[in-house]
Amino acid sequence: TLKEIMSSPEKTRLLARHNLYVSLQEIKQVKESIRE
């Protein structure tokens, strides 16, 4: 949950993982858009 991330000692690492997941996902969307 948002609250769990905010209070976690691993907050920065968790947020970095989210930020990278959403970035890699967008690259896949861009590829699919080029293909179609």
All heavy atoms as atom14 arrays in JSON, in Angstrom:
{
  "sequence": "TLKEIMSSPEKTRLLARHNLYVSLQEIKQVKESIRE",
  "atom14_mask": [
    [1, 1, 1, 1, 1, 1, 1, 0, 0, 0, 0, 0, 0, 0],
    [1, 1, 1, 1, 1, 1, 1, 1, 0, 0, 0, 0, 0, 0],
    [1, 1, 1, 1, 1, 1, 1, 1, 1, 0, 0, 0, 0, 0],
    [1, 1, 1, 1, 1, 1, 1, 1, 1, 0, 0, 0, 0, 0],
    [1, 1, 1, 1, 1, 1, 1, 1, 0, 0, 0, 0, 0, 0],
    [1, 1, 1, 1, 1, 1, 1, 1, 0, 0, 0, 0, 0, 0],
    [1, 1, 1, 1, 1, 1, 0, 0, 0, 0, 0, 0, 0, 0],
    [1, 1, 1, 1, 1, 1, 0, 0, 0, 0, 0, 0, 0, 0],
    [1, 1, 1, 1, 1, 1, 1, 0, 0, 0, 0, 0, 0, 0],
    [1, 1, 1, 1, 1, 1, 1, 1, 1, 0, 0, 0, 0, 0],
    [1, 1, 1, 1, 1, 1, 1, 1, 1, 0, 0, 0, 0, 0],
    [1, 1, 1, 1, 1, 1, 1, 0, 0, 0, 0, 0, 0, 0],
    [1, 1, 1, 1, 1, 1, 1, 1, 1, 1, 1, 0, 0, 0],
    [1, 1, 1, 1, 1, 1, 1, 1, 0, 0, 0, 0, 0, 0],
    [1, 1, 1, 1, 1, 1, 1, 1, 0, 0, 0, 0, 0, 0],
    [1, 1, 1, 1, 1, 0, 0, 0, 0, 0, 0, 0, 0, 0],
    [1, 1, 1, 1, 1, 1, 1, 1, 1, 1, 1, 0, 0, 0],
    [1, 1, 1, 1, 1, 1, 1, 1, 1, 1, 0, 0, 0, 0],
    [1, 1, 1, 1, 1, 1, 1, 1, 0, 0, 0, 0, 0, 0],
    [1, 1, 1, 1, 1, 1, 1, 1, 0, 0, 0, 0, 0, 0],
    [1, 1, 1, 1, 1, 1, 1, 1, 1, 1, 1, 1, 0, 0],
    [1, 1, 1, 1, 1, 1, 1, 0, 0, 0, 0, 0, 0, 0],
    [1, 1, 1, 1, 1, 1, 0, 0, 0, 0, 0, 0, 0, 0],
    [1, 1, 1, 1, 1, 1, 1, 1, 0, 0, 0, 0, 0, 0],
    [1, 1, 1, 1, 1, 1, 1, 1, 1, 0, 0, 0, 0, 0],
    [1, 1, 1, 1, 1, 1, 1, 1, 1, 0, 0, 0, 0, 0],
    [1, 1, 1, 1, 1, 1, 1, 1, 0, 0, 0, 0, 0, 0],
    [1, 1, 1, 1, 1, 1, 1, 1, 1, 0, 0, 0, 0, 0],
    [1, 1, 1, 1, 1, 1, 1, 1, 1, 0, 0, 0, 0, 0],
    [1, 1, 1, 1, 1, 1, 1, 0, 0, 0, 0, 0, 0, 0],
    [1, 1, 1, 1, 1, 1, 1, 1, 1, 0, 0, 0, 0, 0],
    [1, 1, 1, 1, 1, 1, 1, 1, 1, 0, 0, 0, 0, 0],
    [1, 1, 1, 1, 1, 1, 0, 0, 0, 0, 0, 0, 0, 0],
    [1, 1, 1, 1, 1, 1, 1, 1, 0, 0, 0, 0, 0, 0],
    [1, 1, 1, 1, 1, 1, 1, 1, 1, 1, 1, 0, 0, 0],
    [1, 1, 1, 1, 1, 1, 1, 1, 1, 0, 0, 0, 0, 0]
  ],
  "atom14_positions": [
    [[0.85, -1.18, 0.0], [0.0, 0.0, 0.0], [0.89, 1.24, 0.0], [2.1, 1.15, 0.28], [-0.89, 0.04, 1.25], [-0.06, 0.19, 2.41], [-1.73, -1.23, 1.37], [0.0, 0.0, 0.0], [0.0, 0.0, 0.0], [0.0, 0.0, 0.0], [0.0, 0.0, 0.0], [0.0, 0.0, 0.0], [0.0, 0.0, 0.0], [0.0, 0.0, 0.0]],
    [[0.3, 2.38, -0.31], [1.05, 3.63, -0.28], [1.63, 3.87, 1.12], [2.8, 4.26, 1.26], [0.13, 4.8, -0.68], [0.74, 6.2, -0.63], [1.91, 6.32, -1.59], [-0.32, 7.25, -0.98], [0.0, 0.0, 0.0], [0.0, 0.0, 0.0], [0.0, 0.0, 0.0], [0.0, 0.0, 0.0], [0.0, 0.0, 0.0], [0.0, 0.0, 0.0]],
    [[0.83, 3.58, 2.15], [1.27, 3.79, 3.52], [2.46, 2.89, 3.84], [3.42, 3.32, 4.51], [0.12, 3.52, 4.48], [0.44, 3.82, 5.94], [-0.78, 3.59, 6.82], [-0.47, 3.88, 8.29], [-1.66, 3.65, 9.16], [0.0, 0.0, 0.0], [0.0, 0.0, 0.0], [0.0, 0.0, 0.0], [0.0, 0.0, 0.0], [0.0, 0.0, 0.0]],
    [[2.42, 1.64, 3.36], [3.53, 0.71, 3.63], [4.82, 1.19, 2.98], [5.89, 1.11, 3.58], [3.16, -0.68, 3.11], [2.15, -1.4, 3.99], [1.63, -2.67, 3.35], [1.83, -2.86, 2.11], [1.01, -3.48, 4.05], [0.0, 0.0, 0.0], [0.0, 0.0, 0.0], [0.0, 0.0, 0.0], [0.0, 0.0, 0.0], [0.0, 0.0, 0.0]],
    [[4.71, 1.7, 1.76], [5.91, 2.2, 1.09], [6.45, 3.42, 1.82], [7.65, 3.55, 2.07], [5.61, 2.55, -0.39], [5.34, 1.26, -1.18], [6.78, 3.31, -1.02], [4.99, 1.49, -2.64], [0.0, 0.0, 0.0], [0.0, 0.0, 0.0], [0.0, 0.0, 0.0], [0.0, 0.0, 0.0], [0.0, 0.0, 0.0], [0.0, 0.0, 0.0]],
    [[5.55, 4.32, 2.2], [5.98, 5.56, 2.87], [6.71, 5.28, 4.18], [7.65, 6.0, 4.55], [4.76, 6.45, 3.14], [4.17, 7.09, 1.9], [5.19, 8.44, 1.28], [4.9, 9.7, 2.51], [0.0, 0.0, 0.0], [0.0, 0.0, 0.0], [0.0, 0.0, 0.0], [0.0, 0.0, 0.0], [0.0, 0.0, 0.0], [0.0, 0.0, 0.0]],
    [[6.29, 4.23, 4.9], [6.87, 3.96, 6.22], [7.99, 2.92, 6.17], [8.61, 2.63, 7.19], [5.78, 3.47, 7.18], [5.18, 2.27, 6.69], [0.0, 0.0, 0.0], [0.0, 0.0, 0.0], [0.0, 0.0, 0.0], [0.0, 0.0, 0.0], [0.0, 0.0, 0.0], [0.0, 0.0, 0.0], [0.0, 0.0, 0.0], [0.0, 0.0, 0.0]],
    [[8.26, 2.37, 5.0], [9.25, 1.3, 4.9], [10.67, 1.83, 4.94], [10.99, 2.85, 4.31], [9.05, 0.52, 3.59], [10.11, -0.4, 3.4], [0.0, 0.0, 0.0], [0.0, 0.0, 0.0], [0.0, 0.0, 0.0], [0.0, 0.0, 0.0], [0.0, 0.0, 0.0], [0.0, 0.0, 0.0], [0.0, 0.0, 0.0], [0.0, 0.0, 0.0]],
    [[11.58, 1.16, 5.65], [13.0, 1.53, 5.58], [13.58, 1.29, 4.19], [14.65, 1.82, 3.86], [13.65, 0.62, 6.62], [12.71, -0.52, 6.82], [11.33, 0.03, 6.59], [0.0, 0.0, 0.0], [0.0, 0.0, 0.0], [0.0, 0.0, 0.0], [0.0, 0.0, 0.0], [0.0, 0.0, 0.0], [0.0, 0.0, 0.0], [0.0, 0.0, 0.0]],
    [[12.87, 0.5, 3.37], [13.29, 0.23, 2.0], [12.55, 1.13, 1.0], [12.5, 0.81, -0.19], [13.02, -1.24, 1.66], [13.92, -2.22, 2.4], [15.34, -2.17, 1.86], [15.56, -2.5, 0.69], [16.24, -1.77, 2.64], [0.0, 0.0, 0.0], [0.0, 0.0, 0.0], [0.0, 0.0, 0.0], [0.0, 0.0, 0.0], [0.0, 0.0, 0.0]],
    [[12.0, 2.23, 1.48], [11.16, 3.09, 0.63], [11.86, 3.48, -0.68], [11.27, 3.36, -1.76], [10.78, 4.37, 1.4], [9.99, 5.38, 0.57], [9.6, 6.6, 1.4], [10.8, 7.38, 1.88], [10.4, 8.65, 2.53], [0.0, 0.0, 0.0], [0.0, 0.0, 0.0], [0.0, 0.0, 0.0], [0.0, 0.0, 0.0], [0.0, 0.0, 0.0]],
    [[13.11, 3.91, -0.6], [13.81, 4.37, -1.8], [13.99, 3.24, -2.8], [13.78, 3.41, -4.01], [15.17, 4.98, -1.42], [14.94, 6.06, -0.51], [15.88, 5.51, -2.64], [0.0, 0.0, 0.0], [0.0, 0.0, 0.0], [0.0, 0.0, 0.0], [0.0, 0.0, 0.0], [0.0, 0.0, 0.0], [0.0, 0.0, 0.0], [0.0, 0.0, 0.0]],
    [[14.36, 2.07, -2.3], [14.56, 0.92, -3.2], [13.23, 0.48, -3.82], [13.17, 0.12, -5.0], [15.21, -0.25, -2.46], [16.62, 0.05, -2.0], [17.27, -1.15, -1.33], [18.55, -0.79, -0.73], [19.69, -0.7, -1.41], [19.7, -0.97, -2.7], [20.81, -0.36, -0.79], [0.0, 0.0, 0.0], [0.0, 0.0, 0.0], [0.0, 0.0, 0.0]],
    [[12.17, 0.45, -3.02], [10.85, 0.08, -3.55], [10.41, 1.06, -4.63], [9.91, 0.67, -5.69], [9.82, 0.04, -2.42], [9.96, -1.11, -1.42], [9.03, -0.88, -0.23], [9.66, -2.44, -2.09], [0.0, 0.0, 0.0], [0.0, 0.0, 0.0], [0.0, 0.0, 0.0], [0.0, 0.0, 0.0], [0.0, 0.0, 0.0], [0.0, 0.0, 0.0]],
    [[10.6, 2.34, -4.36], [10.19, 3.36, -5.31], [11.03, 3.28, -6.59], [10.51, 3.45, -7.7], [10.3, 4.74, -4.67], [9.61, 5.91, -5.37], [8.16, 5.58, -5.71], [9.67, 7.14, -4.47], [0.0, 0.0, 0.0], [0.0, 0.0, 0.0], [0.0, 0.0, 0.0], [0.0, 0.0, 0.0], [0.0, 0.0, 0.0], [0.0, 0.0, 0.0]],
    [[12.32, 3.0, -6.44], [13.18, 2.84, -7.62], [12.71, 1.68, -8.48], [12.7, 1.77, -9.71], [14.63, 2.63, -7.18], [0.0, 0.0, 0.0], [0.0, 0.0, 0.0], [0.0, 0.0, 0.0], [0.0, 0.0, 0.0], [0.0, 0.0, 0.0], [0.0, 0.0, 0.0], [0.0, 0.0, 0.0], [0.0, 0.0, 0.0], [0.0, 0.0, 0.0]],
    [[12.31, 0.6, -7.83], [11.81, -0.55, -8.6], [10.53, -0.19, -9.35], [10.37, -0.52, -10.52], [11.59, -1.75, -7.67], [12.87, -2.44, -7.25], [12.58, -3.63, -6.33], [13.78, -4.4, -6.08], [14.7, -4.12, -5.17], [14.54, -3.03, -4.41], [15.77, -4.88, -5.0], [0.0, 0.0, 0.0], [0.0, 0.0, 0.0], [0.0, 0.0, 0.0]],
    [[9.6, 0.47, -8.66], [8.39, 0.92, -9.37], [8.76, 1.8, -10.56], [8.25, 1.61, -11.67], [7.44, 1.7, -8.46], [6.56, 2.62, -9.25], [5.44, 2.16, -9.94], [6.67, 3.95, -9.54], [4.9, 3.18, -10.61], [5.62, 4.26, -10.38], [0.0, 0.0, 0.0], [0.0, 0.0, 0.0], [0.0, 0.0, 0.0], [0.0, 0.0, 0.0]],
    [[9.62, 2.79, -10.32], [9.98, 3.73, -11.39], [10.58, 3.01, -12.59], [10.32, 3.38, -13.74], [10.97, 4.77, -10.85], [10.33, 5.77, -9.9], [9.11, 5.89, -9.84], [11.15, 6.49, -9.16], [0.0, 0.0, 0.0], [0.0, 0.0, 0.0], [0.0, 0.0, 0.0], [0.0, 0.0, 0.0], [0.0, 0.0, 0.0], [0.0, 0.0, 0.0]],
    [[11.37, 1.98, -12.32], [11.96, 1.25, -13.44], [10.94, 0.33, -14.11], [10.92, 0.23, -15.34], [13.16, 0.44, -12.95], [13.98, -0.22, -14.06], [14.43, 0.81, -15.1], [15.18, -0.96, -13.49], [0.0, 0.0, 0.0], [0.0, 0.0, 0.0], [0.0, 0.0, 0.0], [0.0, 0.0, 0.0], [0.0, 0.0, 0.0], [0.0, 0.0, 0.0]],
    [[10.09, -0.32, -13.32], [9.05, -1.15, -13.93], [8.19, -0.34, -14.89], [7.91, -0.77, -16.01], [8.14, -1.75, -12.84], [8.62, -3.07, -12.26], [8.79, -3.22, -10.89], [8.86, -4.17, -13.08], [9.21, -4.42, -10.34], [9.28, -5.38, -12.54], [9.46, -5.5, -11.17], [9.87, -6.71, -10.65], [0.0, 0.0, 0.0], [0.0, 0.0, 0.0]],
    [[7.75, 0.85, -14.47], [6.86, 1.64, -15.33], [7.61, 2.14, -16.56], [7.03, 2.25, -17.65], [6.22, 2.81, -14.53], [7.18, 3.97, -14.33], [4.94, 3.29, -15.2], [0.0, 0.0, 0.0], [0.0, 0.0, 0.0], [0.0, 0.0, 0.0], [0.0, 0.0, 0.0], [0.0, 0.0, 0.0], [0.0, 0.0, 0.0], [0.0, 0.0, 0.0]],
    [[8.91, 2.37, -16.42], [9.71, 2.81, -17.56], [9.9, 1.68, -18.58], [9.74, 1.89, -19.79], [11.09, 3.3, -17.07], [10.94, 4.38, -16.17], [0.0, 0.0, 0.0], [0.0, 0.0, 0.0], [0.0, 0.0, 0.0], [0.0, 0.0, 0.0], [0.0, 0.0, 0.0], [0.0, 0.0, 0.0], [0.0, 0.0, 0.0], [0.0, 0.0, 0.0]],
    [[10.22, 0.49, -18.09], [10.37, -0.66, -19.0], [9.05, -1.03, -19.67], [9.02, -1.42, -20.83], [10.94, -1.85, -18.22], [12.37, -1.7, -17.71], [12.73, -2.81, -16.73], [13.36, -1.68, -18.87], [0.0, 0.0, 0.0], [0.0, 0.0, 0.0], [0.0, 0.0, 0.0], [0.0, 0.0, 0.0], [0.0, 0.0, 0.0], [0.0, 0.0, 0.0]],
    [[7.95, -0.89, -18.92], [6.63, -1.16, -19.49], [6.32, -0.19, -20.63], [5.77, -0.58, -21.66], [5.56, -1.05, -18.4], [4.13, -1.24, -18.89], [3.88, -2.64, -19.41], [4.5, -3.59, -18.95], [2.97, -2.77, -20.37], [0.0, 0.0, 0.0], [0.0, 0.0, 0.0], [0.0, 0.0, 0.0], [0.0, 0.0, 0.0], [0.0, 0.0, 0.0]],
    [[6.69, 1.08, -20.45], [6.42, 2.06, -21.5], [7.23, 1.76, -22.76], [6.74, 1.96, -23.88], [6.72, 3.47, -20.98], [6.58, 4.58, -22.01], [5.17, 4.77, -22.55], [4.23, 4.08, -22.09], [5.0, 5.63, -23.44], [0.0, 0.0, 0.0], [0.0, 0.0, 0.0], [0.0, 0.0, 0.0], [0.0, 0.0, 0.0], [0.0, 0.0, 0.0]],
    [[8.45, 1.26, -22.6], [9.24, 0.87, -23.77], [8.51, -0.23, -24.54], [8.46, -0.21, -25.78], [10.64, 0.4, -23.34], [11.48, 1.58, -22.84], [11.35, -0.3, -24.49], [11.9, 2.58, -23.9], [0.0, 0.0, 0.0], [0.0, 0.0, 0.0], [0.0, 0.0, 0.0], [0.0, 0.0, 0.0], [0.0, 0.0, 0.0], [0.0, 0.0, 0.0]],
    [[7.94, -1.19, -23.82], [7.17, -2.25, -24.49], [5.97, -1.67, -25.23], [5.64, -2.1, -26.35], [6.69, -3.29, -23.47], [7.81, -4.12, -22.86], [7.24, -5.09, -21.84], [8.33, -5.88, -21.14], [7.78, -6.76, -20.08], [0.0, 0.0, 0.0], [0.0, 0.0, 0.0], [0.0, 0.0, 0.0], [0.0, 0.0, 0.0], [0.0, 0.0, 0.0]],
    [[5.3, -0.69, -24.63], [4.15, -0.07, -25.29], [4.58, 0.68, -26.55], [3.89, 0.64, -27.58], [3.45, 0.9, -24.32], [2.21, 1.56, -24.9], [1.14, 0.55, -25.28], [0.67, -0.2, -24.44], [0.77, 0.51, -26.56], [0.0, 0.0, 0.0], [0.0, 0.0, 0.0], [0.0, 0.0, 0.0], [0.0, 0.0, 0.0], [0.0, 0.0, 0.0]],
    [[5.72, 1.34, -26.47], [6.25, 2.04, -27.64], [6.55, 1.05, -28.76], [6.21, 1.27, -29.93], [7.51, 2.84, -27.26], [8.27, 3.32, -28.51], [7.14, 4.04, -26.39], [0.0, 0.0, 0.0], [0.0, 0.0, 0.0], [0.0, 0.0, 0.0], [0.0, 0.0, 0.0], [0.0, 0.0, 0.0], [0.0, 0.0, 0.0], [0.0, 0.0, 0.0]],
    [[7.16, -0.08, -28.41], [7.45, -1.1, -29.42], [6.18, -1.62, -30.08], [6.1, -1.77, -31.31], [8.21, -2.27, -28.78], [9.65, -1.99, -28.43], [10.25, -3.26, -27.84], [11.67, -3.04, -27.39], [12.25, -4.24, -26.76], [0.0, 0.0, 0.0], [0.0, 0.0, 0.0], [0.0, 0.0, 0.0], [0.0, 0.0, 0.0], [0.0, 0.0, 0.0]],
    [[5.18, -1.91, -29.25], [3.93, -2.42, -29.8], [3.28, -1.39, -30.71], [2.72, -1.73, -31.76], [2.98, -2.81, -28.66], [1.66, -3.42, -29.11], [1.81, -4.71, -29.9], [2.87, -5.37, -29.81], [0.86, -5.06, -30.63], [0.0, 0.0, 0.0], [0.0, 0.0, 0.0], [0.0, 0.0, 0.0], [0.0, 0.0, 0.0], [0.0, 0.0, 0.0]],
    [[3.37, -0.12, -30.34], [2.79, 0.94, -31.16], [3.52, 1.07, -32.49], [2.89, 1.29, -33.53], [2.85, 2.27, -30.4], [2.1, 2.2, -29.2], [0.0, 0.0, 0.0], [0.0, 0.0, 0.0], [0.0, 0.0, 0.0], [0.0, 0.0, 0.0], [0.0, 0.0, 0.0], [0.0, 0.0, 0.0], [0.0, 0.0, 0.0], [0.0, 0.0, 0.0]],
    [[4.84, 0.91, -32.48], [5.59, 0.94, -33.74], [5.18, -0.24, -34.61], [4.93, -0.1, -35.81], [7.11, 0.9, -33.46], [7.57, 2.19, -32.77], [7.89, 0.7, -34.77], [9.01, 2.15, -32.29], [0.0, 0.0, 0.0], [0.0, 0.0, 0.0], [0.0, 0.0, 0.0], [0.0, 0.0, 0.0], [0.0, 0.0, 0.0], [0.0, 0.0, 0.0]],
    [[5.08, -1.4, -33.99], [4.75, -2.61, -34.76], [3.38, -2.51, -35.42], [3.2, -2.91, -36.57], [4.78, -3.83, -33.85], [4.72, -5.17, -34.58], [4.4, -6.31, -33.65], [3.09, -6.14, -33.04], [1.93, -6.41, -33.65], [1.91, -6.83, -34.9], [0.78, -6.24, -33.03], [0.0, 0.0, 0.0], [0.0, 0.0, 0.0], [0.0, 0.0, 0.0]],
    [[2.41, -1.92, -34.71], [1.05, -1.85, -35.27], [0.79, -0.53, -36.0], [-0.32, -0.31, -36.51], [0.0, -2.07, -34.18], [-0.07, -1.01, -33.12], [-1.08, -1.32, -32.04], [-1.42, -2.52, -31.88], [-1.52, -0.39, -31.34], [0.0, 0.0, 0.0], [0.0, 0.0, 0.0], [0.0, 0.0, 0.0], [0.0, 0.0, 0.0], [0.0, 0.0, 0.0]]
  ]
}
